[in-house]
N, C-alpha and C. Protein backbone atom coordinates (compact mmCIF):
# COMPACT_ATOMS: atom_id res chain seq x y z
N MET A 1 31.72 104.28 84.70
CA MET A 1 31.33 105.09 85.50
C MET A 1 30.11 105.98 85.66
N ALA A 2 29.29 106.02 86.25
CA ALA A 2 28.08 107.17 86.09
C ALA A 2 28.54 108.43 86.76
N ALA A 3 28.35 109.29 86.27
CA ALA A 3 28.21 110.76 87.02
C ALA A 3 27.59 111.59 86.19
N ASN A 4 27.66 112.99 86.61
CA ASN A 4 26.97 114.17 85.66
C ASN A 4 28.20 115.16 85.63
N LEU A 5 28.80 114.97 84.46
CA LEU A 5 30.08 115.58 84.31
C LEU A 5 29.76 116.83 83.03
N GLN A 6 28.71 117.26 82.99
CA GLN A 6 28.44 118.18 81.97
C GLN A 6 28.84 119.59 82.33
N ARG A 7 29.57 119.85 81.20
CA ARG A 7 30.48 121.17 81.60
C ARG A 7 29.68 122.51 81.89
N ASP A 8 28.24 122.44 81.48
CA ASP A 8 27.55 123.41 81.81
C ASP A 8 26.83 123.32 83.34
N GLU A 9 26.95 121.98 83.88
CA GLU A 9 26.25 121.72 85.12
C GLU A 9 27.22 121.10 85.94
N LEU A 10 28.16 121.72 86.22
CA LEU A 10 29.38 121.04 87.19
C LEU A 10 28.88 120.93 88.63
N HIS A 11 28.90 119.96 89.13
CA HIS A 11 28.46 119.57 90.45
C HIS A 11 29.67 119.11 91.07
N GLY A 12 30.98 119.35 91.07
CA GLY A 12 32.22 118.79 91.35
C GLY A 12 32.63 119.73 92.93
N ILE A 13 33.78 119.57 93.15
CA ILE A 13 34.56 120.63 94.14
C ILE A 13 35.90 120.67 93.52
N HIS A 14 36.33 121.33 93.54
CA HIS A 14 38.04 121.88 93.13
C HIS A 14 38.48 121.41 94.31
N MET A 15 39.88 120.64 93.80
CA MET A 15 40.49 119.99 94.70
C MET A 15 41.91 119.95 94.24
N THR A 16 42.78 119.90 94.94
CA THR A 16 44.25 119.49 94.44
C THR A 16 44.73 117.93 94.37
N GLU A 17 45.51 117.54 93.93
CA GLU A 17 45.87 116.02 93.78
C GLU A 17 46.16 115.71 94.93
N GLU A 18 46.89 116.54 96.00
CA GLU A 18 47.47 115.68 97.07
C GLU A 18 46.07 115.50 97.99
N ALA A 19 45.04 116.70 97.89
CA ALA A 19 43.88 116.67 98.87
C ALA A 19 42.95 115.37 98.40
N PHE A 20 42.89 115.34 97.20
CA PHE A 20 41.98 114.13 96.51
C PHE A 20 42.98 112.63 96.93
N GLU A 21 43.93 112.55 96.91
CA GLU A 21 44.86 111.40 97.27
C GLU A 21 44.76 110.95 98.97
N ARG A 22 44.43 112.27 99.57
CA ARG A 22 44.04 111.94 101.11
C ARG A 22 42.26 111.84 101.13
N LEU A 23 41.59 112.44 100.13
CA LEU A 23 40.23 111.70 100.31
C LEU A 23 40.09 110.46 100.31
N ILE A 24 40.68 109.96 99.06
CA ILE A 24 40.45 108.44 98.53
C ILE A 24 41.35 107.79 99.57
N SER A 25 41.84 107.97 100.61
CA SER A 25 43.00 107.20 101.29
C SER A 25 41.98 106.40 102.30
N VAL A 26 40.57 107.11 102.65
CA VAL A 26 40.13 106.83 103.80
C VAL A 26 38.95 105.87 103.12
N GLU A 27 38.50 104.52 103.71
CA GLU A 27 37.66 103.89 103.33
C GLU A 27 36.26 104.22 103.33
N SER A 28 35.44 104.18 102.29
CA SER A 28 34.69 105.01 101.78
C SER A 28 33.51 104.26 100.91
N PRO A 29 32.22 104.30 101.24
CA PRO A 29 31.12 103.66 100.05
C PRO A 29 31.08 104.54 98.60
N TYR A 30 31.72 105.79 98.85
CA TYR A 30 31.67 106.68 97.57
C TYR A 30 33.07 106.32 96.68
N ARG A 31 33.09 106.58 95.39
CA ARG A 31 33.93 106.59 94.71
C ARG A 31 34.07 108.05 93.81
N TYR A 32 35.39 108.57 93.79
CA TYR A 32 35.67 109.85 93.21
C TYR A 32 36.54 109.78 92.20
N GLU A 33 36.41 110.71 91.19
CA GLU A 33 37.65 110.89 90.24
C GLU A 33 37.59 112.37 90.34
N LEU A 34 39.07 112.78 90.18
CA LEU A 34 39.57 114.00 89.84
C LEU A 34 39.87 114.30 88.50
N ILE A 35 38.96 115.27 88.02
CA ILE A 35 38.90 115.69 86.47
C ILE A 35 39.24 116.97 86.10
N ASP A 36 40.22 117.30 85.55
CA ASP A 36 40.45 118.83 85.49
C ASP A 36 40.48 119.57 86.83
N GLY A 37 40.80 119.04 87.93
CA GLY A 37 41.25 119.70 89.34
C GLY A 37 39.79 119.85 90.39
N VAL A 38 38.88 119.16 89.47
CA VAL A 38 37.51 118.75 90.07
C VAL A 38 37.23 117.62 90.52
N VAL A 39 36.69 117.30 91.76
CA VAL A 39 36.44 115.89 92.08
C VAL A 39 34.76 115.61 92.08
N TYR A 40 34.62 114.64 91.50
CA TYR A 40 33.10 114.30 91.37
C TYR A 40 32.68 112.75 92.06
N ASP A 41 31.76 112.62 92.16
CA ASP A 41 31.41 111.43 92.80
C ASP A 41 30.90 110.42 91.78
N MET A 42 31.20 109.46 91.66
CA MET A 42 30.80 108.52 90.40
C MET A 42 30.08 107.37 91.02
N THR A 43 29.85 107.43 92.54
CA THR A 43 28.95 106.23 92.76
C THR A 43 27.76 106.62 92.33
N GLY A 44 26.86 105.41 92.08
CA GLY A 44 25.61 105.19 91.52
C GLY A 44 25.56 105.26 90.01
N SER A 45 24.26 104.63 89.42
CA SER A 45 24.52 104.46 87.77
C SER A 45 22.93 104.00 87.41
N THR A 46 22.48 103.73 86.37
CA THR A 46 21.02 103.24 85.99
C THR A 46 21.05 101.87 86.17
N PRO A 47 20.00 101.55 86.54
CA PRO A 47 19.77 100.11 86.40
C PRO A 47 20.47 98.96 85.14
N GLU A 48 20.42 99.56 84.17
CA GLU A 48 21.34 99.03 82.79
C GLU A 48 22.46 99.02 83.13
N HIS A 49 22.95 99.92 83.46
CA HIS A 49 24.66 100.11 83.72
C HIS A 49 25.04 99.29 84.79
N SER A 50 24.46 99.17 85.68
CA SER A 50 24.79 98.23 86.84
C SER A 50 24.71 96.92 86.22
N ALA A 51 23.54 96.42 85.66
CA ALA A 51 23.33 94.99 84.97
C ALA A 51 24.43 94.73 84.09
N ILE A 52 24.58 95.58 83.14
CA ILE A 52 25.57 95.21 82.02
C ILE A 52 27.05 95.03 83.05
N SER A 53 27.30 95.90 83.86
CA SER A 53 28.52 95.76 84.68
C SER A 53 28.69 94.36 85.28
N SER A 54 27.63 94.14 85.70
CA SER A 54 27.61 92.62 86.74
C SER A 54 27.43 91.53 85.73
N ASN A 55 27.27 91.80 84.59
CA ASN A 55 26.95 90.66 83.26
C ASN A 55 28.35 90.41 82.96
N VAL A 56 29.24 91.72 82.63
CA VAL A 56 30.48 91.64 82.12
C VAL A 56 31.57 90.72 83.23
N GLU A 57 31.41 91.23 84.67
CA GLU A 57 32.36 90.81 85.42
C GLU A 57 31.98 89.12 85.56
N GLY A 58 30.40 88.76 85.46
CA GLY A 58 30.03 87.32 85.92
C GLY A 58 30.82 86.74 84.85
N LEU A 59 30.71 87.27 83.51
CA LEU A 59 31.27 86.00 82.09
C LEU A 59 32.48 86.05 82.66
N LEU A 60 33.38 87.07 83.07
CA LEU A 60 34.88 87.03 83.14
C LEU A 60 35.28 86.07 84.31
N ARG A 61 34.57 86.18 85.13
CA ARG A 61 34.72 85.22 86.53
C ARG A 61 34.31 84.11 86.25
N GLU A 62 33.47 83.50 85.59
CA GLU A 62 33.15 82.33 85.29
C GLU A 62 34.09 81.50 84.58
N GLN A 63 34.51 82.21 83.61
CA GLN A 63 35.82 81.49 82.77
C GLN A 63 36.89 81.47 83.39
N LEU A 64 37.50 82.55 84.45
CA LEU A 64 38.75 82.50 85.01
C LEU A 64 38.79 81.81 86.03
N GLY A 65 37.42 81.15 86.84
CA GLY A 65 37.48 80.18 87.82
C GLY A 65 38.12 81.09 88.97
N ARG A 66 38.12 80.10 90.37
CA ARG A 66 38.38 80.94 91.48
C ARG A 66 39.94 80.64 92.01
N SER A 67 40.55 79.80 91.12
CA SER A 67 41.93 78.82 91.67
C SER A 67 43.02 79.83 91.42
N GLY A 68 42.90 80.62 90.06
CA GLY A 68 44.37 81.24 89.50
C GLY A 68 44.62 82.45 90.04
N PRO A 69 45.49 83.07 89.57
CA PRO A 69 45.97 84.40 89.95
C PRO A 69 45.15 85.60 89.46
N CYS A 70 44.31 85.26 88.55
CA CYS A 70 43.50 86.47 87.43
C CYS A 70 42.35 86.41 88.56
N ARG A 71 41.81 87.99 88.72
CA ARG A 71 40.62 88.29 89.41
C ARG A 71 40.16 89.70 88.75
N THR A 72 38.69 89.59 89.20
CA THR A 72 37.88 90.74 88.57
C THR A 72 37.54 91.62 89.76
N HIS A 73 37.44 92.93 89.36
CA HIS A 73 37.03 93.77 90.57
C HIS A 73 36.09 94.90 89.72
N ARG A 74 35.04 95.23 90.82
CA ARG A 74 34.23 96.11 90.33
C ARG A 74 34.25 97.42 91.38
N ASP A 75 34.42 98.63 90.71
CA ASP A 75 34.10 100.15 91.54
C ASP A 75 35.28 100.01 92.22
N GLN A 76 36.64 99.83 91.78
CA GLN A 76 38.01 99.84 92.54
C GLN A 76 38.83 100.88 92.08
N TYR A 77 39.93 101.48 92.88
CA TYR A 77 40.17 102.39 92.30
C TYR A 77 41.51 101.45 91.28
N VAL A 78 42.10 102.16 90.23
CA VAL A 78 43.29 101.74 89.58
C VAL A 78 44.23 102.83 89.69
N ALA A 79 45.46 102.57 89.98
CA ALA A 79 46.37 103.49 90.33
C ALA A 79 47.33 103.72 88.72
N ILE A 80 47.31 105.00 88.51
CA ILE A 80 47.72 105.47 86.93
C ILE A 80 49.06 106.32 87.39
N PRO A 81 49.99 105.40 86.76
CA PRO A 81 51.41 106.37 86.78
C PRO A 81 51.34 107.88 86.47
N GLY A 82 51.67 108.80 87.65
CA GLY A 82 51.78 110.02 87.34
C GLY A 82 50.70 110.71 87.25
N LYS A 83 49.31 110.11 87.39
CA LYS A 83 48.19 110.67 87.35
C LYS A 83 47.33 110.43 88.45
N PRO A 84 46.16 111.01 88.52
CA PRO A 84 45.03 110.43 89.83
C PRO A 84 44.77 109.37 89.47
N PRO A 85 44.30 108.53 90.32
CA PRO A 85 43.81 107.19 90.32
C PRO A 85 42.33 107.15 89.61
N VAL A 86 41.83 106.37 88.80
CA VAL A 86 40.54 106.29 88.09
C VAL A 86 39.53 105.03 88.66
N VAL A 87 38.27 105.07 88.65
CA VAL A 87 37.23 104.02 89.05
C VAL A 87 36.65 103.21 87.65
N PRO A 88 37.27 102.22 87.47
CA PRO A 88 36.38 101.51 86.30
C PRO A 88 35.29 100.77 86.57
N ASP A 89 34.34 100.43 85.46
CA ASP A 89 33.39 99.39 86.03
C ASP A 89 33.72 98.29 86.35
N VAL A 90 34.55 97.39 85.43
CA VAL A 90 35.09 96.33 85.69
C VAL A 90 36.61 96.20 85.23
N VAL A 91 37.27 95.86 86.06
CA VAL A 91 38.79 95.53 86.02
C VAL A 91 39.47 94.42 86.19
N LEU A 92 40.48 93.59 85.16
CA LEU A 92 40.73 92.17 85.48
C LEU A 92 42.43 92.41 85.62
N THR A 93 42.76 91.96 86.77
CA THR A 93 44.31 91.59 87.10
C THR A 93 44.58 90.42 87.13
N CYS A 94 45.70 89.92 87.12
CA CYS A 94 46.56 88.66 87.15
C CYS A 94 47.54 88.83 88.22
N ASP A 95 47.81 89.81 88.62
CA ASP A 95 48.96 90.24 89.63
C ASP A 95 48.47 90.00 91.24
N LEU A 96 49.24 89.16 91.44
CA LEU A 96 48.84 88.66 93.03
C LEU A 96 48.84 89.91 93.97
N ALA A 97 49.85 90.52 93.67
CA ALA A 97 49.64 91.94 94.53
C ALA A 97 48.48 92.53 94.52
N ASP A 98 47.72 92.60 93.65
CA ASP A 98 46.47 93.48 93.49
C ASP A 98 45.43 92.87 94.43
N TRP A 99 45.38 91.46 95.07
CA TRP A 99 44.26 90.95 95.78
C TRP A 99 45.06 90.39 97.11
N ASP A 100 46.05 90.04 97.28
CA ASP A 100 46.64 89.46 98.18
C ASP A 100 46.85 90.49 99.22
N LYS A 101 46.08 90.22 100.41
CA LYS A 101 45.97 91.08 101.55
C LYS A 101 47.58 91.78 101.92
N ASP A 102 48.34 90.92 102.17
CA ASP A 102 49.66 91.57 102.64
C ASP A 102 50.62 92.00 101.43
N LYS A 103 50.32 92.14 100.33
CA LYS A 103 50.74 92.78 99.29
C LYS A 103 50.29 94.07 98.37
N ARG A 104 48.91 94.22 98.47
CA ARG A 104 48.29 94.84 98.00
C ARG A 104 48.56 96.53 98.41
N LEU A 105 48.04 97.64 97.59
CA LEU A 105 48.66 98.78 97.95
C LEU A 105 47.66 99.22 99.05
N LYS A 106 48.10 99.92 99.93
CA LYS A 106 47.03 100.80 100.95
C LYS A 106 47.28 102.10 100.91
N PRO A 107 46.00 102.61 100.30
CA PRO A 107 44.79 102.08 100.27
C PRO A 107 44.68 101.35 99.22
N PHE A 108 43.75 100.41 99.20
CA PHE A 108 43.54 99.60 98.07
C PHE A 108 43.42 99.95 96.74
N MET A 109 43.92 100.00 95.71
CA MET A 109 44.16 100.40 94.57
C MET A 109 44.81 99.29 93.45
N ILE A 110 44.16 98.90 92.29
CA ILE A 110 44.74 98.04 91.41
C ILE A 110 45.87 98.37 90.88
N GLN A 111 47.03 97.86 90.91
CA GLN A 111 48.31 98.46 90.29
C GLN A 111 48.47 97.83 88.71
N SER A 112 48.02 96.99 88.69
CA SER A 112 48.42 96.28 87.57
C SER A 112 47.23 95.56 86.55
N PRO A 113 46.15 96.88 85.99
CA PRO A 113 45.07 96.31 85.32
C PRO A 113 45.61 95.56 84.09
N LEU A 114 44.85 94.44 83.81
CA LEU A 114 45.11 93.58 82.33
C LEU A 114 44.46 94.15 81.26
N ILE A 115 42.70 94.06 81.95
CA ILE A 115 41.66 94.53 81.10
C ILE A 115 40.99 95.44 81.97
N VAL A 116 40.20 96.57 81.36
CA VAL A 116 39.56 97.42 81.48
C VAL A 116 38.44 97.48 81.02
N VAL A 117 37.01 97.72 81.65
CA VAL A 117 35.77 97.75 81.00
C VAL A 117 34.99 98.94 81.59
N GLU A 118 34.54 99.89 80.59
CA GLU A 118 33.97 100.80 81.28
C GLU A 118 32.31 100.75 80.31
N VAL A 119 31.20 101.17 81.09
CA VAL A 119 29.85 101.01 80.56
C VAL A 119 29.57 102.50 80.31
N LEU A 120 29.42 103.04 79.14
CA LEU A 120 29.30 104.37 78.73
C LEU A 120 27.69 105.04 79.22
N SER A 121 27.90 106.18 79.70
CA SER A 121 26.48 106.96 80.30
C SER A 121 27.08 108.12 79.20
N PRO A 122 25.57 108.53 78.79
CA PRO A 122 25.52 109.73 78.43
C PRO A 122 26.50 110.90 79.02
N SER A 123 26.29 110.84 80.38
CA SER A 123 27.04 111.95 81.16
C SER A 123 28.67 111.72 81.04
N THR A 124 29.17 110.40 81.05
CA THR A 124 30.72 110.34 80.83
C THR A 124 31.36 109.82 79.71
N GLU A 125 30.39 109.49 78.75
CA GLU A 125 31.06 109.02 77.43
C GLU A 125 32.41 109.89 77.17
N ARG A 126 32.30 110.82 76.72
CA ARG A 126 33.24 111.80 76.07
C ARG A 126 34.82 111.46 77.17
N TYR A 127 34.59 111.59 78.29
CA TYR A 127 35.31 111.76 79.39
C TYR A 127 36.01 110.01 79.33
N ASP A 128 35.21 109.10 79.20
CA ASP A 128 36.04 107.74 79.07
C ASP A 128 36.39 107.69 77.94
N ARG A 129 36.15 108.26 76.47
CA ARG A 129 36.60 108.00 75.50
C ARG A 129 37.97 108.72 75.45
N THR A 130 38.34 109.88 76.18
CA THR A 130 39.21 110.89 75.88
C THR A 130 40.41 110.58 77.15
N GLU A 131 39.88 111.65 78.15
CA GLU A 131 41.09 111.60 79.42
C GLU A 131 41.09 110.08 79.90
N LYS A 132 40.12 109.73 80.34
CA LYS A 132 40.17 108.41 81.22
C LYS A 132 40.82 107.23 80.39
N PHE A 133 40.54 107.01 79.15
CA PHE A 133 41.46 106.04 78.19
C PHE A 133 42.98 106.38 78.12
N ALA A 134 43.22 107.99 78.02
CA ALA A 134 44.73 108.31 78.03
C ALA A 134 45.13 107.96 79.14
N ARG A 135 44.48 108.08 80.56
CA ARG A 135 45.13 107.55 81.63
C ARG A 135 45.34 106.29 81.75
N TYR A 136 44.36 105.36 81.49
CA TYR A 136 44.67 103.93 81.26
C TYR A 136 45.77 103.46 80.56
N MET A 137 45.85 104.08 79.36
CA MET A 137 47.38 103.89 78.66
C MET A 137 48.48 103.84 79.01
N ARG A 138 48.55 104.72 80.22
CA ARG A 138 49.62 105.08 80.97
C ARG A 138 50.11 103.86 81.80
N CYS A 139 48.94 102.72 82.04
CA CYS A 139 49.49 101.54 82.76
C CYS A 139 50.20 100.45 82.04
N PRO A 140 51.26 100.30 82.20
CA PRO A 140 52.20 99.49 81.38
C PRO A 140 51.24 98.05 81.21
N THR A 141 50.66 97.51 82.26
CA THR A 141 50.16 96.06 82.10
C THR A 141 48.98 96.08 81.34
N LEU A 142 48.35 97.24 81.08
CA LEU A 142 46.95 97.21 80.40
C LEU A 142 47.24 96.69 78.61
N GLU A 143 46.37 95.76 78.51
CA GLU A 143 46.43 95.27 77.26
C GLU A 143 44.94 95.26 76.52
N VAL A 144 44.06 95.55 77.46
CA VAL A 144 42.46 95.72 76.47
C VAL A 144 41.61 96.58 77.27
N TYR A 145 41.32 97.69 76.44
CA TYR A 145 40.26 98.58 77.17
C TYR A 145 38.64 98.70 76.07
N ILE A 146 37.73 98.45 76.85
CA ILE A 146 36.36 97.78 76.26
C ILE A 146 35.44 98.88 76.82
N LEU A 147 34.59 99.50 75.50
CA LEU A 147 33.72 100.27 75.99
C LEU A 147 32.53 100.00 75.62
N VAL A 148 31.34 100.04 76.69
CA VAL A 148 30.16 99.14 76.08
C VAL A 148 28.95 100.00 76.33
N SER A 149 27.97 99.84 75.37
CA SER A 149 27.25 101.07 75.16
C SER A 149 25.96 100.35 76.47
N GLN A 150 25.30 101.58 77.20
CA GLN A 150 24.07 100.68 77.83
C GLN A 150 22.71 100.83 77.19
N ASP A 151 23.06 101.66 75.88
CA ASP A 151 21.31 102.06 75.08
C ASP A 151 21.33 100.94 73.75
N GLU A 152 22.24 100.35 73.34
CA GLU A 152 22.37 99.33 72.39
C GLU A 152 22.99 98.40 72.71
N GLN A 153 23.20 97.01 71.71
CA GLN A 153 23.80 96.12 71.87
C GLN A 153 25.26 96.36 70.70
N HIS A 154 26.09 97.19 71.59
CA HIS A 154 27.17 97.56 70.90
C HIS A 154 28.43 97.69 72.09
N MET A 155 29.59 97.35 71.69
CA MET A 155 30.86 97.18 72.37
C MET A 155 32.12 97.64 71.64
N GLU A 156 33.05 98.35 72.12
CA GLU A 156 34.26 98.73 71.18
C GLU A 156 35.26 98.31 71.87
N VAL A 157 36.66 97.60 71.28
CA VAL A 157 37.42 96.95 71.89
C VAL A 157 38.63 97.69 71.47
N TYR A 158 39.59 97.98 72.30
CA TYR A 158 40.78 98.79 72.10
C TYR A 158 41.98 97.73 72.73
N ARG A 159 42.92 97.26 71.67
CA ARG A 159 44.16 96.62 72.41
C ARG A 159 45.28 97.22 72.12
N ARG A 160 46.36 97.14 72.98
CA ARG A 160 47.52 97.49 72.89
C ARG A 160 48.57 97.03 71.64
N SER A 161 48.17 95.79 71.58
CA SER A 161 48.80 95.09 70.46
C SER A 161 48.54 95.36 69.30
N THR A 162 47.43 96.21 68.87
CA THR A 162 46.80 96.72 67.64
C THR A 162 47.26 98.01 67.51
N GLY A 163 47.96 98.56 68.29
CA GLY A 163 48.09 100.26 68.53
C GLY A 163 46.84 100.93 69.08
N TRP A 164 45.92 100.19 69.84
CA TRP A 164 44.82 100.98 70.30
C TRP A 164 43.50 101.14 69.21
N LYS A 165 43.87 100.33 68.09
CA LYS A 165 42.87 100.38 67.00
C LYS A 165 41.37 100.05 67.26
N GLN A 166 40.35 101.11 67.08
CA GLN A 166 39.02 100.62 67.47
C GLN A 166 38.37 99.37 66.51
N GLU A 167 37.83 98.12 67.21
CA GLU A 167 37.45 97.17 66.92
C GLU A 167 35.82 97.24 67.35
N ARG A 168 34.63 97.20 66.74
CA ARG A 168 33.43 97.20 67.13
C ARG A 168 32.99 95.63 66.71
N PHE A 169 31.73 95.49 67.82
CA PHE A 169 31.05 94.49 67.97
C PHE A 169 29.74 94.39 68.09
N SER A 170 28.97 93.86 67.74
CA SER A 170 27.45 93.94 68.12
C SER A 170 26.87 92.52 68.56
N ALA A 171 25.59 92.58 68.51
CA ALA A 171 24.63 91.52 68.98
C ALA A 171 25.26 90.31 68.79
N ASP A 172 25.30 89.86 67.79
CA ASP A 172 25.52 88.21 67.34
C ASP A 172 27.22 87.85 67.23
N GLN A 173 27.98 88.50 68.06
CA GLN A 173 29.36 88.48 67.74
C GLN A 173 29.99 88.17 69.12
N THR A 174 31.31 87.81 69.03
CA THR A 174 31.78 87.48 70.41
C THR A 174 32.93 88.08 70.44
N ILE A 175 33.62 88.69 71.34
CA ILE A 175 34.99 89.18 71.59
C ILE A 175 35.78 88.25 72.22
N LYS A 176 37.08 87.76 71.46
CA LYS A 176 38.00 87.13 72.06
C LYS A 176 39.19 87.80 72.74
N LEU A 177 39.45 87.51 73.99
CA LEU A 177 40.41 87.86 74.77
C LEU A 177 41.54 87.12 74.76
N GLU A 178 42.54 87.01 73.80
CA GLU A 178 43.50 85.81 73.74
C GLU A 178 44.37 86.09 74.82
N GLN A 179 44.31 87.01 75.60
CA GLN A 179 45.50 86.98 76.70
C GLN A 179 45.15 86.04 77.90
N LEU A 180 43.98 85.79 77.90
CA LEU A 180 43.68 85.00 78.77
C LEU A 180 42.68 83.60 78.09
N ASP A 181 42.55 83.75 76.92
CA ASP A 181 41.73 82.56 76.32
C ASP A 181 40.12 82.84 76.61
N LEU A 182 39.81 84.01 76.75
CA LEU A 182 38.60 84.29 77.21
C LEU A 182 37.41 84.83 75.92
N ASP A 183 36.04 84.56 76.19
CA ASP A 183 35.22 84.92 75.39
C ASP A 183 34.26 85.81 76.09
N LEU A 184 33.76 86.96 75.09
CA LEU A 184 32.88 88.02 75.73
C LEU A 184 31.68 87.98 74.50
N PRO A 185 30.46 86.85 74.77
CA PRO A 185 29.67 87.15 73.62
C PRO A 185 28.56 88.26 73.72
N VAL A 186 28.67 89.19 72.83
CA VAL A 186 27.86 90.57 73.46
C VAL A 186 26.60 90.37 74.06
N GLY A 187 25.84 89.12 73.24
CA GLY A 187 24.44 88.75 73.57
C GLY A 187 24.23 88.67 74.88
N SER A 188 25.41 87.97 75.47
CA SER A 188 25.33 87.35 76.86
C SER A 188 25.77 88.91 77.66
N ILE A 189 26.42 89.96 77.42
CA ILE A 189 26.42 90.79 78.10
C ILE A 189 25.12 91.78 78.29
N TYR A 190 24.32 91.75 77.30
CA TYR A 190 22.96 92.59 77.41
C TYR A 190 21.93 91.45 77.97
N GLU A 191 22.21 90.54 78.34
CA GLU A 191 20.81 89.66 78.61
C GLU A 191 20.36 90.31 79.72
N GLY A 192 19.11 90.37 79.58
CA GLY A 192 18.23 90.98 80.72
C GLY A 192 18.22 92.19 80.69
N VAL A 193 18.72 92.94 79.68
CA VAL A 193 18.77 94.35 79.94
C VAL A 193 18.50 95.10 78.38
N ILE A 194 18.92 94.83 77.26
CA ILE A 194 18.15 95.31 76.03
C ILE A 194 17.93 93.99 74.93
């Protein structure tokens, strides 16, 4: 997610976790995150950031099809056990309760993320690599965390099965996601962007 999180230029509002939960319980076009007791509006991004997120979601959706239980979502809250929810750029879930109208959380939050993708922005990269990653790791269903550069054809993959060890991928490589037999060709992620 994109936002201005530079510590010397804080543009957030101090808020308690309870107040934050109330704020996000109302349907809104804005996406907020609570970081160190400060709420930031995470809405909006660069054209490159948006295009890369769309490409990732499109590639995953194309391979998943529309008939199975797995779905991709963009800019939706993910419930984090014991911590405030966060908003990834793309999340893939295979839990029917995450998209079935009668079973999903209200307010809507993904409760069983399997794969999470974050497109790195200069202002949020440190947060995405540290605090946000730590929050996602609290989700027992999360198997893969992917960080995508928006400035060069470079992606990093972290898998629960390897103890979250970093794997690096560049332009001519393909990321294999064995959980669902998915492929993410790095060049296709950046098609029309870089």
